[in-house]
Amino acid sequence: MGNRKRLDPDSGPMAAYGARLRRMREERGWTQEELATRTGYSSKHISGVEIGSRPSTLKFSGAVDRAFGLTGAEESFDRECRQVRHGVLLEGFPEYVHQERRAVEIRLFTTGIIPGLLQTREYARALAASNVARGVITAEQAEERMAYLAERQEILERPSPPMLFVVLDESCIRRPIGHPGVMAAQLERLIEFAANPFSVVQMAPFAMGEKRPFDLPVNLVTLSDRTVLCYAESQARGHLERESGTVAAMLTGYHQLAAESLSQADSVAMIEEVRKGML
């Protein structure tokens, strides 16, 4: 155990894949040799994938899924491997999504774009189409992103969904995405969502000025044991933060943001006013 390499799942999609492989293997009490026997691959191969020095493949992922009983499951390694291969995910995002699925509470702050969990299909497709037109992704990758987003949104359809707190910068509802009908439908979706008993939607108006504590999107997830994790993104990558001091500071900032934002009733009124202007 003295040579055990510490894994950083936020260092890239391959690292996130390897870290999850090691975590699930150890949760079952299996050694690398035992997993090798169950998959038909060598322990050296298992070790290489876990530390990110050997890339995962669809064949390997299928063997791992059979060993773990994940074949066809939402959290299958085959699905994650396909997402990595098609460039669907920002660095650091796979591990965040894994935690998002386990969350009992989710707190989001976004600027400019409605958060993915609340996007309508038409709004998400307009964003994806723009990326295709600019050559950022291929049409195939756009479809992968759409499918992945639909899977993420399924957590809101559970019998007991996570409590979702959302603070939107005013730019999220002012920035037109797609044609006016797409944007109007997206705003209607926000209004409908605000009426759910498991949600809170607030607007951070432009008038907040320097009182807004964040300039970049922030995601905070609370797990069933009350552990809180923070995920934040730059243009190039994302990072899942577990260090308690840093997470506590981000959580404090989020509460300060919510306190300065409009009430849910006033927020819905603002969204409705903008929506009517698009009809």
C-alpha atoms as a PDB file:
ATOM      1  CA  MET A   1       0.000   0.000   0.000  1.00  0.00           C
ATOM      2  CA  GLY A   2       3.008   2.303   0.388  1.00  0.00           C
ATOM      3  CA  ASN A   3       3.315   2.736  -3.424  1.00  0.00           C
ATOM      4  CA  ARG A   4      -0.373   3.426  -3.901  1.00  0.00           C
ATOM      5  CA  LYS A   5      -0.780   6.283  -6.343  1.00  0.00           C
ATOM      6  CA  ARG A   6      -3.218   8.990  -5.307  1.00  0.00           C
ATOM      7  CA  LEU A   7      -5.807   9.550  -8.031  1.00  0.00           C
ATOM      8  CA  ASP A   8      -7.128  12.969  -9.021  1.00  0.00           C
ATOM      9  CA  PRO A   9     -10.467  12.481 -10.818  1.00  0.00           C
ATOM     10  CA  ASP A  10     -10.545  16.171 -11.752  1.00  0.00           C
ATOM     11  CA  SER A  11      -7.383  16.009 -13.854  1.00  0.00           C
ATOM     12  CA  GLY A  12      -9.228  14.729 -16.914  1.00  0.00           C
ATOM     13  CA  PRO A  13     -11.929  12.344 -18.202  1.00  0.00           C
ATOM     14  CA  MET A  14      -9.542   9.358 -18.250  1.00  0.00           C
ATOM     15  CA  ALA A  15      -8.549  10.087 -14.659  1.00  0.00           C
ATOM     16  CA  ALA A  16     -12.196  10.326 -13.601  1.00  0.00           C
ATOM     17  CA  TYR A  17     -12.901   6.976 -15.283  1.00  0.00           C
ATOM     18  CA  GLY A  18      -9.918   5.354 -13.548  1.00  0.00           C
ATOM     19  CA  ALA A  19     -10.763   6.821 -10.146  1.00  0.00           C
ATOM     20  CA  ARG A  20     -14.316   5.512 -10.357  1.00  0.00           C
ATOM     21  CA  LEU A  21     -13.043   2.093 -11.431  1.00  0.00           C
ATOM     22  CA  ARG A  22     -10.754   1.928  -8.401  1.00  0.00           C
ATOM     23  CA  ARG A  23     -13.465   3.196  -6.039  1.00  0.00           C
ATOM     24  CA  MET A  24     -16.041   0.641  -7.194  1.00  0.00           C
ATOM     25  CA  ARG A  25     -13.482  -2.175  -7.084  1.00  0.00           C
ATOM     26  CA  GLU A  26     -12.459  -1.304  -3.529  1.00  0.00           C
ATOM     27  CA  GLU A  27     -16.075  -0.876  -2.403  1.00  0.00           C
ATOM     28  CA  ARG A  28     -16.507  -4.544  -3.266  1.00  0.00           C
ATOM     29  CA  GLY A  29     -13.303  -5.514  -1.494  1.00  0.00           C
ATOM     30  CA  TRP A  30     -11.690  -6.780  -4.702  1.00  0.00           C
ATOM     31  CA  THR A  31      -8.000  -6.617  -5.478  1.00  0.00           C
ATOM     32  CA  GLN A  32      -6.811  -5.725  -8.959  1.00  0.00           C
ATOM     33  CA  GLU A  33      -6.046  -9.412  -9.459  1.00  0.00           C
ATOM     34  CA  GLU A  34      -9.623 -10.364  -8.554  1.00  0.00           C
ATOM     35  CA  LEU A  35     -11.087  -7.813 -10.961  1.00  0.00           C
ATOM     36  CA  ALA A  36      -8.641  -9.049 -13.611  1.00  0.00           C
ATOM     37  CA  THR A  37      -9.972 -12.579 -13.198  1.00  0.00           C
ATOM     38  CA  ARG A  38     -13.570 -11.371 -13.460  1.00  0.00           C
ATOM     39  CA  THR A  39     -12.933  -9.312 -16.614  1.00  0.00           C
ATOM     40  CA  GLY A  40     -10.377 -11.428 -18.467  1.00  0.00           C
ATOM     41  CA  TYR A  41      -7.825  -8.609 -18.433  1.00  0.00           C
ATOM     42  CA  SER A  42      -4.487  -8.611 -16.616  1.00  0.00           C
ATOM     43  CA  SER A  43      -3.982  -6.900 -13.269  1.00  0.00           C
ATOM     44  CA  LYS A  44      -1.383  -4.720 -15.017  1.00  0.00           C
ATOM     45  CA  HIS A  45      -4.059  -3.573 -17.456  1.00  0.00           C
ATOM     46  CA  ILE A  46      -6.465  -2.823 -14.588  1.00  0.00           C
ATOM     47  CA  SER A  47      -3.765  -0.829 -12.802  1.00  0.00           C
ATOM     48  CA  GLY A  48      -2.964   1.154 -15.944  1.00  0.00           C
ATOM     49  CA  VAL A  49      -6.575   2.161 -16.483  1.00  0.00           C
ATOM     50  CA  GLU A  50      -7.011   3.115 -12.834  1.00  0.00           C
ATOM     51  CA  ILE A  51      -4.034   5.476 -12.819  1.00  0.00           C
ATOM     52  CA  GLY A  52      -4.861   6.871 -16.273  1.00  0.00           C
ATOM     53  CA  SER A  53      -1.766   5.613 -18.081  1.00  0.00           C
ATOM     54  CA  ARG A  54      -3.777   3.213 -20.246  1.00  0.00           C
ATOM     55  CA  PRO A  55      -6.924   4.424 -22.071  1.00  0.00           C
ATOM     56  CA  SER A  56     -10.232   2.693 -21.548  1.00  0.00           C
ATOM     57  CA  THR A  57     -11.915   0.982 -24.476  1.00  0.00           C
ATOM     58  CA  LEU A  58     -15.493  -0.025 -25.172  1.00  0.00           C
ATOM     59  CA  LYS A  59     -14.525  -3.709 -24.964  1.00  0.00           C
ATOM     60  CA  PHE A  60     -12.842  -3.222 -21.605  1.00  0.00           C
ATOM     61  CA  SER A  61     -15.756  -1.125 -20.337  1.00  0.00           C
ATOM     62  CA  GLY A  62     -18.201  -3.848 -21.315  1.00  0.00           C
ATOM     63  CA  ALA A  63     -16.177  -6.429 -19.381  1.00  0.00           C
ATOM     64  CA  VAL A  64     -16.077  -4.156 -16.325  1.00  0.00           C
ATOM     65  CA  ASP A  65     -19.830  -3.573 -16.528  1.00  0.00           C
ATOM     66  CA  ARG A  66     -20.451  -7.329 -16.551  1.00  0.00           C
ATOM     67  CA  ALA A  67     -18.214  -7.752 -13.519  1.00  0.00           C
ATOM     68  CA  PHE A  68     -19.959  -4.968 -11.591  1.00  0.00           C
ATOM     69  CA  GLY A  69     -23.463  -5.793 -12.821  1.00  0.00           C
ATOM     70  CA  LEU A  70     -23.795  -2.449 -14.618  1.00  0.00           C
ATOM     71  CA  THR A  71     -24.534  -3.612 -18.161  1.00  0.00           C
ATOM     72  CA  GLY A  72     -27.133  -1.260 -19.638  1.00  0.00           C
ATOM     73  CA  ALA A  73     -27.299   0.851 -16.490  1.00  0.00           C
ATOM     74  CA  GLU A  74     -27.260   4.650 -16.525  1.00  0.00           C
ATOM     75  CA  GLU A  75     -23.976   4.655 -14.611  1.00  0.00           C
ATOM     76  CA  SER A  76     -22.305   2.000 -16.788  1.00  0.00           C
ATOM     77  CA  PHE A  77     -18.646   2.307 -17.725  1.00  0.00           C
ATOM     78  CA  ASP A  78     -19.606   1.694 -21.352  1.00  0.00           C
ATOM     79  CA  ARG A  79     -21.684   4.887 -21.303  1.00  0.00           C
ATOM     80  CA  GLU A  80     -18.906   6.878 -19.634  1.00  0.00           C
ATOM     81  CA  CYS A  81     -16.349   5.555 -22.114  1.00  0.00           C
ATOM     82  CA  ARG A  82     -18.510   6.645 -25.048  1.00  0.00           C
ATOM     83  CA  GLN A  83     -18.898  10.109 -23.528  1.00  0.00           C
ATOM     84  CA  VAL A  84     -15.149  10.445 -23.065  1.00  0.00           C
ATOM     85  CA  ARG A  85     -14.456   9.204 -26.606  1.00  0.00           C
ATOM     86  CA  HIS A  86     -16.861  11.708 -28.137  1.00  0.00           C
ATOM     87  CA  GLY A  87     -15.590  14.636 -26.138  1.00  0.00           C
ATOM     88  CA  VAL A  88     -18.990  15.229 -24.522  1.00  0.00           C
ATOM     89  CA  LEU A  89     -17.707  16.105 -21.093  1.00  0.00           C
ATOM     90  CA  LEU A  90     -15.612  18.933 -19.761  1.00  0.00           C
ATOM     91  CA  GLU A  91     -12.672  17.839 -17.608  1.00  0.00           C
ATOM     92  CA  GLY A  92     -13.826  17.217 -14.052  1.00  0.00           C
ATOM     93  CA  PHE A  93     -17.483  16.874 -15.050  1.00  0.00           C
ATOM     94  CA  PRO A  94     -17.921  13.064 -14.973  1.00  0.00           C
ATOM     95  CA  GLU A  95     -17.155  12.874 -11.255  1.00  0.00           C
ATOM     96  CA  TYR A  96     -19.487  15.800 -10.569  1.00  0.00           C
ATOM     97  CA  VAL A  97     -22.364  14.110 -12.404  1.00  0.00           C
ATOM     98  CA  HIS A  98     -21.774  10.962 -10.360  1.00  0.00           C
ATOM     99  CA  GLN A  99     -22.205  13.032  -7.184  1.00  0.00           C
ATOM    100  CA  GLU A 100     -25.156  14.949  -8.657  1.00  0.00           C
ATOM    101  CA  ARG A 101     -27.028  11.659  -9.037  1.00  0.00           C
ATOM    102  CA  ARG A 102     -26.466  10.937  -5.329  1.00  0.00           C
ATOM    103  CA  ALA A 103     -27.407  14.405  -4.094  1.00  0.00           C
ATOM    104  CA  VAL A 104     -30.299  15.196  -1.775  1.00  0.00           C
ATOM    105  CA  GLU A 105     -29.833  18.936  -2.354  1.00  0.00           C
ATOM    106  CA  ILE A 106     -28.368  20.803  -5.327  1.00  0.00           C
ATOM    107  CA  ARG A 107     -27.563  24.521  -5.366  1.00  0.00           C
ATOM    108  CA  LEU A 108     -26.801  26.200  -8.682  1.00  0.00           C
ATOM    109  CA  PHE A 109     -25.700  29.639  -9.780  1.00  0.00           C
ATOM    110  CA  THR A 110     -25.325  30.406 -13.474  1.00  0.00           C
ATOM    111  CA  THR A 111     -24.691  33.378 -15.717  1.00  0.00           C
ATOM    112  CA  GLY A 112     -25.736  33.822 -19.333  1.00  0.00           C
ATOM    113  CA  ILE A 113     -27.163  30.315 -19.845  1.00  0.00           C
ATOM    114  CA  ILE A 114     -30.029  28.449 -18.178  1.00  0.00           C
ATOM    115  CA  PRO A 115     -28.518  25.509 -16.224  1.00  0.00           C
ATOM    116  CA  GLY A 116     -28.608  22.177 -18.000  1.00  0.00           C
ATOM    117  CA  LEU A 117     -30.957  20.500 -15.531  1.00  0.00           C
ATOM    118  CA  LEU A 118     -33.654  23.046 -16.425  1.00  0.00           C
ATOM    119  CA  GLN A 119     -33.081  23.419 -20.161  1.00  0.00           C
ATOM    120  CA  THR A 120     -35.841  22.524 -22.588  1.00  0.00           C
ATOM    121  CA  ARG A 121     -34.819  20.236 -25.422  1.00  0.00           C
ATOM    122  CA  GLU A 122     -35.215  23.038 -27.963  1.00  0.00           C
ATOM    123  CA  TYR A 123     -33.060  25.452 -25.930  1.00  0.00           C
ATOM    124  CA  ALA A 124     -30.343  22.809 -25.476  1.00  0.00           C
ATOM    125  CA  ARG A 125     -30.475  21.936 -29.171  1.00  0.00           C
ATOM    126  CA  ALA A 126     -30.028  25.594 -30.162  1.00  0.00           C
ATOM    127  CA  LEU A 127     -26.879  25.758 -28.029  1.00  0.00           C
ATOM    128  CA  ALA A 128     -25.557  22.501 -29.469  1.00  0.00           C
ATOM    129  CA  ALA A 129     -26.309  23.602 -33.045  1.00  0.00           C
ATOM    130  CA  SER A 130     -24.340  26.798 -32.481  1.00  0.00           C
ATOM    131  CA  ASN A 131     -21.339  24.771 -31.327  1.00  0.00           C
ATOM    132  CA  VAL A 132     -21.594  22.585 -34.426  1.00  0.00           C
ATOM    133  CA  ALA A 133     -21.813  25.645 -36.693  1.00  0.00           C
ATOM    134  CA  ARG A 134     -18.668  27.095 -35.114  1.00  0.00           C
ATOM    135  CA  GLY A 135     -16.788  23.810 -35.499  1.00  0.00           C
ATOM    136  CA  VAL A 136     -16.423  23.244 -31.760  1.00  0.00           C
ATOM    137  CA  ILE A 137     -18.117  19.837 -31.891  1.00  0.00           C
ATOM    138  CA  THR A 138     -19.447  17.512 -34.581  1.00  0.00           C
ATOM    139  CA  ALA A 139     -23.111  16.779 -35.230  1.00  0.00           C
ATOM    140  CA  GLU A 140     -22.567  13.350 -33.669  1.00  0.00           C
ATOM    141  CA  GLN A 141     -21.102  14.926 -30.535  1.00  0.00           C
ATOM    142  CA  ALA A 142     -24.075  17.296 -30.375  1.00  0.00           C
ATOM    143  CA  GLU A 143     -26.427  14.315 -30.301  1.00  0.00           C
ATOM    144  CA  GLU A 144     -24.300  12.717 -27.585  1.00  0.00           C
ATOM    145  CA  ARG A 145     -24.604  15.892 -25.519  1.00  0.00           C
ATOM    146  CA  MET A 146     -28.363  15.989 -25.973  1.00  0.00           C
ATOM    147  CA  ALA A 147     -28.721  12.376 -24.877  1.00  0.00           C
ATOM    148  CA  TYR A 148     -26.442  12.913 -21.898  1.00  0.00           C
ATOM    149  CA  LEU A 149     -28.405  15.989 -20.797  1.00  0.00           C
ATOM    150  CA  ALA A 150     -31.683  14.087 -21.004  1.00  0.00           C
ATOM    151  CA  GLU A 151     -30.218  11.403 -18.734  1.00  0.00           C
ATOM    152  CA  ARG A 152     -29.081  14.015 -16.198  1.00  0.00           C
ATOM    153  CA  GLN A 153     -32.525  15.591 -16.114  1.00  0.00           C
ATOM    154  CA  GLU A 154     -34.086  12.268 -15.121  1.00  0.00           C
ATOM    155  CA  ILE A 155     -33.094  12.908 -11.491  1.00  0.00           C
ATOM    156  CA  LEU A 156     -35.828  15.563 -11.358  1.00  0.00           C
ATOM    157  CA  GLU A 157     -38.447  12.956 -12.323  1.00  0.00           C
ATOM    158  CA  ARG A 158     -37.721  10.626  -9.422  1.00  0.00           C
ATOM    159  CA  PRO A 159     -40.463   9.988  -6.839  1.00  0.00           C
ATOM    160  CA  SER A 160     -38.212  11.780  -4.324  1.00  0.00           C
ATOM    161  CA  PRO A 161     -36.087  14.199  -6.371  1.00  0.00           C
ATOM    162  CA  PRO A 162     -33.286  16.246  -4.831  1.00  0.00           C
ATOM    163  CA  MET A 163     -34.194  19.677  -3.495  1.00  0.00           C
ATOM    164  CA  LEU A 164     -33.000  22.122  -6.138  1.00  0.00           C
ATOM    165  CA  PHE A 165     -32.078  25.717  -5.330  1.00  0.00           C
ATOM    166  CA  VAL A 166     -31.325  27.853  -8.398  1.00  0.00           C
ATOM    167  CA  VAL A 167     -30.049  31.428  -8.582  1.00  0.00           C
ATOM    168  CA  LEU A 168     -29.953  32.828 -12.106  1.00  0.00           C
ATOM    169  CA  ASP A 169     -28.072  35.925 -13.096  1.00  0.00           C
ATOM    170  CA  GLU A 170     -30.454  38.224 -14.972  1.00  0.00           C
ATOM    171  CA  SER A 171     -28.393  37.635 -18.118  1.00  0.00           C
ATOM    172  CA  CYS A 172     -29.756  34.060 -18.223  1.00  0.00           C
ATOM    173  CA  ILE A 173     -33.259  35.262 -19.118  1.00  0.00           C
ATOM    174  CA  ARG A 174     -32.235  38.338 -21.126  1.00  0.00           C
ATOM    175  CA  ARG A 175     -29.839  36.574 -23.500  1.00  0.00           C
ATOM    176  CA  PRO A 176     -31.830  35.228 -26.467  1.00  0.00           C
ATOM    177  CA  ILE A 177     -31.087  31.613 -27.386  1.00  0.00           C
ATOM    178  CA  GLY A 178     -32.712  30.252 -30.536  1.00  0.00           C
ATOM    179  CA  HIS A 179     -35.768  31.966 -32.002  1.00  0.00           C
ATOM    180  CA  PRO A 180     -38.218  33.864 -29.726  1.00  0.00           C
ATOM    181  CA  GLY A 181     -40.486  30.837 -29.399  1.00  0.00           C
ATOM    182  CA  VAL A 182     -37.616  28.717 -28.045  1.00  0.00           C
ATOM    183  CA  MET A 183     -36.743  31.335 -25.459  1.00  0.00           C
ATOM    184  CA  ALA A 184     -40.368  31.921 -24.453  1.00  0.00           C
ATOM    185  CA  ALA A 185     -40.861  28.180 -23.908  1.00  0.00           C
ATOM    186  CA  GLN A 186     -37.667  28.030 -21.857  1.00  0.00           C
ATOM    187  CA  LEU A 187     -38.859  30.845 -19.599  1.00  0.00           C
ATOM    188  CA  GLU A 188     -42.210  29.122 -19.234  1.00  0.00           C
ATOM    189  CA  ARG A 189     -40.319  26.020 -18.111  1.00  0.00           C
ATOM    190  CA  LEU A 190     -38.618  28.086 -15.394  1.00  0.00           C
ATOM    191  CA  ILE A 191     -41.961  29.432 -14.193  1.00  0.00           C
ATOM    192  CA  GLU A 192     -43.425  25.929 -14.052  1.00  0.00           C
ATOM    193  CA  PHE A 193     -40.382  24.617 -12.235  1.00  0.00           C
ATOM    194  CA  ALA A 194     -40.610  27.364  -9.599  1.00  0.00           C
ATOM    195  CA  ALA A 195     -44.068  26.049  -8.668  1.00  0.00           C
ATOM    196  CA  ASN A 196     -42.670  22.632  -7.689  1.00  0.00           C
ATOM    197  CA  PRO A 197     -42.444  21.906  -3.951  1.00  0.00           C
ATOM    198  CA  PHE A 198     -38.845  20.660  -4.301  1.00  0.00           C
ATOM    199  CA  SER A 199     -37.481  23.805  -5.964  1.00  0.00           C
ATOM    200  CA  VAL A 200     -36.541  27.412  -5.275  1.00  0.00           C
ATOM    201  CA  VAL A 201     -35.828  29.774  -8.170  1.00  0.00           C
ATOM    202  CA  GLN A 202     -34.349  33.218  -7.599  1.00  0.00           C
ATOM    203  CA  MET A 203     -33.088  35.938  -9.902  1.00  0.00           C
ATOM    204  CA  ALA A 204     -29.868  37.837  -9.219  1.00  0.00           C
ATOM    205  CA  PRO A 205     -30.706  41.157 -10.913  1.00  0.00           C
ATOM    206  CA  PHE A 206     -28.155  43.323 -12.673  1.00  0.00           C
ATOM    207  CA  ALA A 207     -28.851  45.934  -9.988  1.00  0.00           C
ATOM    208  CA  MET A 208     -27.086  43.674  -7.479  1.00  0.00           C
ATOM    209  CA  GLY A 209     -23.837  45.003  -8.924  1.00  0.00           C
ATOM    210  CA  GLU A 210     -20.766  44.297  -6.847  1.00  0.00           C
ATOM    211  CA  LYS A 211     -22.812  42.457  -4.213  1.00  0.00           C
ATOM    212  CA  ARG A 212     -22.881  39.377  -6.428  1.00  0.00           C
ATOM    213  CA  PRO A 213     -20.178  37.130  -4.906  1.00  0.00           C
ATOM    214  CA  PHE A 214     -19.573  34.881  -7.942  1.00  0.00           C
ATOM    215  CA  ASP A 215     -18.486  35.681 -11.489  1.00  0.00           C
ATOM    216  CA  LEU A 216     -18.470  32.068 -12.699  1.00  0.00           C
ATOM    217  CA  PRO A 217     -21.090  29.296 -12.429  1.00  0.00           C
ATOM    218  CA  VAL A 218     -21.098  27.362  -9.158  1.00  0.00           C
ATOM    219  CA  ASN A 219     -22.688  23.991  -8.323  1.00  0.00           C
ATOM    220  CA  LEU A 220     -22.979  22.761  -4.725  1.00  0.00           C
ATOM    221  CA  VAL A 221     -24.236  19.241  -3.999  1.00  0.00           C
ATOM    222  CA  THR A 222     -25.261  17.956  -0.583  1.00  0.00           C
ATOM    223  CA  LEU A 223     -25.153  14.170  -0.128  1.00  0.00           C
ATOM    224  CA  SER A 224     -27.307  12.100   2.205  1.00  0.00           C
ATOM    225  CA  ASP A 225     -24.645  12.171   4.938  1.00  0.00           C
ATOM    226  CA  ARG A 226     -24.712  16.014   4.668  1.00  0.00           C
ATOM    227  CA  THR A 227     -21.308  16.141   3.001  1.00  0.00           C
ATOM    228  CA  VAL A 228     -21.168  19.136   0.658  1.00  0.00           C
ATOM    229  CA  LEU A 229     -19.097  19.193  -2.547  1.00  0.00           C
ATOM    230  CA  CYS A 230     -18.523  22.160  -4.825  1.00  0.00           C
ATOM    231  CA  TYR A 231     -18.057  22.096  -8.596  1.00  0.00           C
ATOM    232  CA  ALA A 232     -16.930  25.153 -10.531  1.00  0.00           C
ATOM    233  CA  GLU A 233     -15.927  25.666 -14.156  1.00  0.00           C
ATOM    234  CA  SER A 234     -13.608  27.844 -16.156  1.00  0.00           C
ATOM    235  CA  GLN A 235     -13.745  28.005 -19.945  1.00  0.00           C
ATOM    236  CA  ALA A 236     -11.389  25.025 -20.259  1.00  0.00           C
ATOM    237  CA  ARG A 237     -12.172  22.663 -17.377  1.00  0.00           C
ATOM    238  CA  GLY A 238     -14.189  21.944 -14.290  1.00  0.00           C
ATOM    239  CA  HIS A 239     -13.065  21.076 -10.790  1.00  0.00           C
ATOM    240  CA  LEU A 240     -14.851  19.178  -8.010  1.00  0.00           C
ATOM    241  CA  GLU A 241     -13.728  20.556  -4.667  1.00  0.00           C
ATOM    242  CA  ARG A 242     -13.906  18.413  -1.540  1.00  0.00           C
ATOM    243  CA  GLU A 243     -11.698  20.405   0.876  1.00  0.00           C
ATOM    244  CA  SER A 244     -14.009  21.467   3.724  1.00  0.00           C
ATOM    245  CA  GLY A 245     -12.622  24.986   4.143  1.00  0.00           C
ATOM    246  CA  THR A 246     -12.974  25.859   0.475  1.00  0.00           C
ATOM    247  CA  VAL A 247     -16.429  24.286   0.213  1.00  0.00           C
ATOM    248  CA  ALA A 248     -17.604  26.101   3.356  1.00  0.00           C
ATOM    249  CA  ALA A 249     -16.492  29.432   1.870  1.00  0.00           C
ATOM    250  CA  MET A 250     -18.373  28.704  -1.360  1.00  0.00           C
ATOM    251  CA  LEU A 251     -21.488  27.692   0.574  1.00  0.00           C
ATOM    252  CA  THR A 252     -21.332  30.913   2.591  1.00  0.00           C
ATOM    253  CA  GLY A 253     -21.009  32.878  -0.640  1.00  0.00           C
ATOM    254  CA  TYR A 254     -24.041  31.069  -2.054  1.00  0.00           C
ATOM    255  CA  HIS A 255     -26.166  31.943   0.980  1.00  0.00           C
ATOM    256  CA  GLN A 256     -25.060  35.572   0.677  1.00  0.00           C
ATOM    257  CA  LEU A 257     -26.014  35.498  -3.002  1.00  0.00           C
ATOM    258  CA  ALA A 258     -29.453  34.068  -2.240  1.00  0.00           C
ATOM    259  CA  ALA A 259     -30.037  36.676   0.469  1.00  0.00           C
ATOM    260  CA  GLU A 260     -29.313  39.528  -1.969  1.00  0.00           C
ATOM    261  CA  SER A 261     -31.351  37.998  -4.809  1.00  0.00           C
ATOM    262  CA  LEU A 262     -35.036  38.555  -5.478  1.00  0.00           C
ATOM    263  CA  SER A 263     -37.624  36.453  -3.662  1.00  0.00           C
ATOM    264  CA  GLN A 264     -39.088  33.570  -5.638  1.00  0.00           C
ATOM    265  CA  ALA A 265     -42.354  35.477  -6.172  1.00  0.00           C
ATOM    266  CA  ASP A 266     -40.521  38.550  -7.476  1.00  0.00           C
ATOM    267  CA  SER A 267     -38.226  36.350  -9.552  1.00  0.00           C
ATOM    268  CA  VAL A 268     -41.158  34.607 -11.240  1.00  0.00           C
ATOM    269  CA  ALA A 269     -42.686  38.014 -11.933  1.00  0.00           C
ATOM    270  CA  MET A 270     -39.464  39.145 -13.640  1.00  0.00           C
ATOM    271  CA  ILE A 271     -39.259  35.954 -15.719  1.00  0.00           C
ATOM    272  CA  GLU A 272     -42.909  36.324 -16.748  1.00  0.00           C
ATOM    273  CA  GLU A 273     -42.389  39.941 -17.777  1.00  0.00           C
ATOM    274  CA  VAL A 274     -39.445  38.983 -19.986  1.00  0.00           C
ATOM    275  CA  ARG A 275     -41.377  36.026 -21.415  1.00  0.00           C
ATOM    276  CA  LYS A 276     -44.336  38.227 -22.424  1.00  0.00           C
ATOM    277  CA  GLY A 277     -41.959  40.546 -24.246  1.00  0.00           C
ATOM    278  CA  MET A 278     -40.880  37.648 -26.472  1.00  0.00           C
ATOM    279  CA  LEU A 279     -44.362  36.633 -27.623  1.00  0.00           C
END
